[in-house]
Amino acid sequence: MKKIPYSIPPKDSPVTFDGRLALRIPEVAQALGVSETSVRRLINRGLLKPLRILRHVLIPTEQLTNLVGNTCTSNHVVGNANVPKATQPE
């Protein structure tokens, strides 16, 4: 599998994925460090909204930045989206 070149920028600038606007599901999985099945779960839960272009399913990189930013700045655990904040593990 091809590695995705990206770097961690300062907080005020967006993450760049080698100038690409969207990534395929395997690339998203690699960038997030999860399985393709987990990426598909995020899509099914509505946390990622894919673009279907011809036969390709693409995830805009802006959505990845928003997903990771929202997860890191709150106590919300993505995998336990229905669990109230008070009972989430720290």
C-alpha atoms as a PDB file:
ATOM      1  CA  MET A   1       0.000   0.000   0.000  1.00  0.00           C
ATOM      2  CA  LYS A   2       1.308   3.435  -0.937  1.00  0.00           C
ATOM      3  CA  LYS A   3       2.136   5.731   1.999  1.00  0.00           C
ATOM      4  CA  ILE A   4       0.384   9.086   2.033  1.00  0.00           C
ATOM      5  CA  PRO A   5       2.801  11.984   2.429  1.00  0.00           C
ATOM      6  CA  TYR A   6       1.472  14.501   4.918  1.00  0.00           C
ATOM      7  CA  SER A   7       2.820  16.562   7.752  1.00  0.00           C
ATOM      8  CA  ILE A   8       1.409  17.959  10.973  1.00  0.00           C
ATOM      9  CA  PRO A   9       1.060  21.709  10.481  1.00  0.00           C
ATOM     10  CA  PRO A  10       0.613  24.390  13.141  1.00  0.00           C
ATOM     11  CA  LYS A  11      -2.868  24.534  14.701  1.00  0.00           C
ATOM     12  CA  ASP A  12      -3.998  27.468  12.567  1.00  0.00           C
ATOM     13  CA  SER A  13      -3.215  25.848   9.191  1.00  0.00           C
ATOM     14  CA  PRO A  14      -4.976  22.834   7.642  1.00  0.00           C
ATOM     15  CA  VAL A  15      -3.388  19.413   7.177  1.00  0.00           C
ATOM     16  CA  THR A  16      -2.224  18.911   3.621  1.00  0.00           C
ATOM     17  CA  PHE A  17      -2.253  15.611   1.788  1.00  0.00           C
ATOM     18  CA  ASP A  18       0.248  16.342  -0.961  1.00  0.00           C
ATOM     19  CA  GLY A  19      -2.149  18.848  -2.505  1.00  0.00           C
ATOM     20  CA  ARG A  20      -4.953  16.315  -2.951  1.00  0.00           C
ATOM     21  CA  LEU A  21      -8.533  17.382  -2.365  1.00  0.00           C
ATOM     22  CA  ALA A  22      -9.894  13.895  -1.657  1.00  0.00           C
ATOM     23  CA  LEU A  23      -8.664  10.405  -0.765  1.00  0.00           C
ATOM     24  CA  ARG A  24      -9.940   6.886  -1.389  1.00  0.00           C
ATOM     25  CA  ILE A  25     -11.088   4.707   1.515  1.00  0.00           C
ATOM     26  CA  PRO A  26      -7.795   2.732   1.843  1.00  0.00           C
ATOM     27  CA  GLU A  27      -5.848   6.001   1.916  1.00  0.00           C
ATOM     28  CA  VAL A  28      -8.176   7.468   4.552  1.00  0.00           C
ATOM     29  CA  ALA A  29      -7.757   4.321   6.648  1.00  0.00           C
ATOM     30  CA  GLN A  30      -3.980   4.630   6.466  1.00  0.00           C
ATOM     31  CA  ALA A  31      -4.026   8.349   7.262  1.00  0.00           C
ATOM     32  CA  LEU A  32      -6.235   7.767  10.333  1.00  0.00           C
ATOM     33  CA  GLY A  33      -4.416   4.587  11.375  1.00  0.00           C
ATOM     34  CA  VAL A  34      -7.583   2.463  11.272  1.00  0.00           C
ATOM     35  CA  SER A  35      -9.002  -0.299   9.075  1.00  0.00           C
ATOM     36  CA  GLU A  36     -11.042   0.237   5.928  1.00  0.00           C
ATOM     37  CA  THR A  37     -13.999  -1.253   7.811  1.00  0.00           C
ATOM     38  CA  SER A  38     -13.679   1.496  10.428  1.00  0.00           C
ATOM     39  CA  VAL A  39     -13.699   4.154   7.710  1.00  0.00           C
ATOM     40  CA  ARG A  40     -16.867   2.607   6.251  1.00  0.00           C
ATOM     41  CA  ARG A  41     -18.424   2.685   9.762  1.00  0.00           C
ATOM     42  CA  LEU A  42     -17.625   6.402  10.016  1.00  0.00           C
ATOM     43  CA  ILE A  43     -19.358   6.877   6.656  1.00  0.00           C
ATOM     44  CA  ASN A  44     -22.408   4.846   7.761  1.00  0.00           C
ATOM     45  CA  ARG A  45     -22.654   6.874  11.003  1.00  0.00           C
ATOM     46  CA  GLY A  46     -22.583  10.106   9.038  1.00  0.00           C
ATOM     47  CA  LEU A  47     -19.268  11.294  10.483  1.00  0.00           C
ATOM     48  CA  LEU A  48     -17.703  11.250   7.002  1.00  0.00           C
ATOM     49  CA  LYS A  49     -19.634  12.154   3.864  1.00  0.00           C
ATOM     50  CA  PRO A  50     -18.160  10.521   0.765  1.00  0.00           C
ATOM     51  CA  LEU A  51     -18.273  11.797  -2.783  1.00  0.00           C
ATOM     52  CA  ARG A  52     -19.192   9.171  -5.334  1.00  0.00           C
ATOM     53  CA  ILE A  53     -17.529  10.049  -8.609  1.00  0.00           C
ATOM     54  CA  LEU A  54     -18.031   7.490 -11.359  1.00  0.00           C
ATOM     55  CA  ARG A  55     -17.042   4.234  -9.610  1.00  0.00           C
ATOM     56  CA  HIS A  56     -14.852   5.886  -6.989  1.00  0.00           C
ATOM     57  CA  VAL A  57     -15.717   6.669  -3.381  1.00  0.00           C
ATOM     58  CA  LEU A  58     -13.689   9.680  -2.265  1.00  0.00           C
ATOM     59  CA  ILE A  59     -13.499  11.452   1.090  1.00  0.00           C
ATOM     60  CA  PRO A  60     -12.591  15.162   0.946  1.00  0.00           C
ATOM     61  CA  THR A  61      -9.455  15.851   2.995  1.00  0.00           C
ATOM     62  CA  GLU A  62     -11.252  18.771   4.663  1.00  0.00           C
ATOM     63  CA  GLN A  63     -13.610  16.254   6.289  1.00  0.00           C
ATOM     64  CA  LEU A  64     -10.656  14.322   7.731  1.00  0.00           C
ATOM     65  CA  THR A  65      -9.218  17.520   9.164  1.00  0.00           C
ATOM     66  CA  ASN A  66     -12.599  18.375  10.698  1.00  0.00           C
ATOM     67  CA  LEU A  67     -13.108  14.850  12.076  1.00  0.00           C
ATOM     68  CA  VAL A  68      -9.700  14.718  13.726  1.00  0.00           C
ATOM     69  CA  GLY A  69      -9.967  18.326  14.933  1.00  0.00           C
ATOM     70  CA  ASN A  70     -13.395  17.746  16.478  1.00  0.00           C
ATOM     71  CA  THR A  71     -12.280  14.498  18.112  1.00  0.00           C
ATOM     72  CA  CYS A  72      -9.122  16.045  19.567  1.00  0.00           C
ATOM     73  CA  THR A  73     -10.765  19.199  20.900  1.00  0.00           C
ATOM     74  CA  SER A  74     -13.664  17.520  22.720  1.00  0.00           C
ATOM     75  CA  ASN A  75     -14.134  14.657  25.138  1.00  0.00           C
ATOM     76  CA  HIS A  76     -16.228  12.912  22.482  1.00  0.00           C
ATOM     77  CA  VAL A  77     -15.021   9.420  21.592  1.00  0.00           C
ATOM     78  CA  VAL A  78     -15.783   8.707  17.926  1.00  0.00           C
ATOM     79  CA  GLY A  79     -16.332   4.973  18.473  1.00  0.00           C
ATOM     80  CA  ASN A  80     -18.838   5.574  21.286  1.00  0.00           C
ATOM     81  CA  ALA A  81     -20.881   8.315  19.653  1.00  0.00           C
ATOM     82  CA  ASN A  82     -24.048   7.449  21.609  1.00  0.00           C
ATOM     83  CA  VAL A  83     -22.405   7.343  25.046  1.00  0.00           C
ATOM     84  CA  PRO A  84     -23.109  10.425  27.212  1.00  0.00           C
ATOM     85  CA  LYS A  85     -20.045  12.522  28.086  1.00  0.00           C
ATOM     86  CA  ALA A  86     -20.271  11.744  31.815  1.00  0.00           C
ATOM     87  CA  THR A  87     -19.777   8.002  31.295  1.00  0.00           C
ATOM     88  CA  GLN A  88     -17.056   8.104  28.637  1.00  0.00           C
ATOM     89  CA  PRO A  89     -13.625   6.749  29.579  1.00  0.00           C
ATOM     90  CA  GLU A  90     -10.926   9.387  29.975  1.00  0.00           C
END
